[in-house]
Amino acid sequence: MKKELMDILACPVCKGDLELRVDEEKGEEVVTGSLYCAHCDYSYPIADTIPNLLPPEQQS
């Protein structure tokens, strides 16, 4: 996931701001990590550069 996407991404549930938490990155791209919504207290995973922004009840 490109870090510049943080300017346009929002929580899919409450539309609030997301906090980027990086585990692994290459240059300006996040390979693994998560996007955390403090309002919902939920983390959306980033795996292989792809953020999974499905609402919690739709993630498996």
C-alpha atoms as a PDB file:
ATOM      1  CA  MET A   1       0.000   0.000   0.000  1.00  0.00           C
ATOM      2  CA  LYS A   2       1.362   3.407  -0.906  1.00  0.00           C
ATOM      3  CA  LYS A   3       1.684   5.698   2.112  1.00  0.00           C
ATOM      4  CA  GLU A   4       0.115   8.602   0.190  1.00  0.00           C
ATOM      5  CA  LEU A   5      -3.210   6.698   0.247  1.00  0.00           C
ATOM      6  CA  MET A   6      -3.519   7.694   3.906  1.00  0.00           C
ATOM      7  CA  ASP A   7      -4.766  11.084   2.653  1.00  0.00           C
ATOM      8  CA  ILE A   8      -7.925   9.496   1.226  1.00  0.00           C
ATOM      9  CA  LEU A   9      -8.532   6.338   3.291  1.00  0.00           C
ATOM     10  CA  ALA A  10     -11.169   6.286   6.045  1.00  0.00           C
ATOM     11  CA  CYS A  11     -12.662   3.658   8.308  1.00  0.00           C
ATOM     12  CA  PRO A  12     -15.337   1.761   6.318  1.00  0.00           C
ATOM     13  CA  VAL A  13     -17.607   1.607   9.383  1.00  0.00           C
ATOM     14  CA  CYS A  14     -17.496   5.087  10.974  1.00  0.00           C
ATOM     15  CA  LYS A  15     -15.688   7.032   8.203  1.00  0.00           C
ATOM     16  CA  GLY A  16     -13.144   8.208  10.817  1.00  0.00           C
ATOM     17  CA  ASP A  17      -9.394   8.637  10.463  1.00  0.00           C
ATOM     18  CA  LEU A  18      -7.124   5.608  10.309  1.00  0.00           C
ATOM     19  CA  GLU A  19      -3.688   5.318  11.919  1.00  0.00           C
ATOM     20  CA  LEU A  20      -1.014   3.542   9.890  1.00  0.00           C
ATOM     21  CA  ARG A  21       0.983   0.904  11.765  1.00  0.00           C
ATOM     22  CA  VAL A  22       3.889  -0.469   9.724  1.00  0.00           C
ATOM     23  CA  ASP A  23       5.487  -3.873  10.293  1.00  0.00           C
ATOM     24  CA  GLU A  24       7.441  -4.048   7.008  1.00  0.00           C
ATOM     25  CA  GLU A  25       7.988  -1.482   4.288  1.00  0.00           C
ATOM     26  CA  LYS A  26       9.966  -1.055   1.091  1.00  0.00           C
ATOM     27  CA  GLY A  27      10.566   2.588   0.232  1.00  0.00           C
ATOM     28  CA  GLU A  28       7.231   4.414   0.333  1.00  0.00           C
ATOM     29  CA  GLU A  29       5.205   1.195   0.168  1.00  0.00           C
ATOM     30  CA  VAL A  30       3.868  -0.680   3.204  1.00  0.00           C
ATOM     31  CA  VAL A  31       4.229  -4.438   2.712  1.00  0.00           C
ATOM     32  CA  THR A  32       2.684  -5.579   6.020  1.00  0.00           C
ATOM     33  CA  GLY A  33       1.039  -3.751   8.882  1.00  0.00           C
ATOM     34  CA  SER A  34      -2.401  -2.447   9.738  1.00  0.00           C
ATOM     35  CA  LEU A  35      -4.750   0.508   9.606  1.00  0.00           C
ATOM     36  CA  TYR A  36      -6.188   1.229  13.049  1.00  0.00           C
ATOM     37  CA  CYS A  37      -9.437   3.071  13.794  1.00  0.00           C
ATOM     38  CA  ALA A  38      -9.376   4.441  17.352  1.00  0.00           C
ATOM     39  CA  HIS A  39     -13.120   5.185  17.306  1.00  0.00           C
ATOM     40  CA  CYS A  40     -14.085   1.592  16.414  1.00  0.00           C
ATOM     41  CA  ASP A  41     -11.044   0.094  18.201  1.00  0.00           C
ATOM     42  CA  TYR A  42     -10.397  -2.136  15.198  1.00  0.00           C
ATOM     43  CA  SER A  43      -7.330  -2.839  13.046  1.00  0.00           C
ATOM     44  CA  TYR A  44      -7.600  -3.556   9.336  1.00  0.00           C
ATOM     45  CA  PRO A  45      -4.696  -5.737   8.164  1.00  0.00           C
ATOM     46  CA  ILE A  46      -2.276  -4.929   5.356  1.00  0.00           C
ATOM     47  CA  ALA A  47      -0.796  -8.055   3.757  1.00  0.00           C
ATOM     48  CA  ASP A  48       1.405  -8.222   0.662  1.00  0.00           C
ATOM     49  CA  THR A  49       0.861  -4.446   0.145  1.00  0.00           C
ATOM     50  CA  ILE A  50      -2.961  -4.842   0.056  1.00  0.00           C
ATOM     51  CA  PRO A  51      -5.135  -3.306   2.797  1.00  0.00           C
ATOM     52  CA  ASN A  52      -8.218  -5.340   3.751  1.00  0.00           C
ATOM     53  CA  LEU A  53     -10.856  -2.705   4.494  1.00  0.00           C
ATOM     54  CA  LEU A  54     -13.816  -5.033   4.750  1.00  0.00           C
ATOM     55  CA  PRO A  55     -15.986  -4.285   7.808  1.00  0.00           C
ATOM     56  CA  PRO A  56     -15.149  -6.585  10.760  1.00  0.00           C
ATOM     57  CA  GLU A  57     -18.261  -8.752  10.346  1.00  0.00           C
ATOM     58  CA  GLN A  58     -17.272  -9.529   6.724  1.00  0.00           C
ATOM     59  CA  GLN A  59     -13.645 -10.520   7.422  1.00  0.00           C
ATOM     60  CA  SER A  60     -12.826 -14.178   7.948  1.00  0.00           C
END
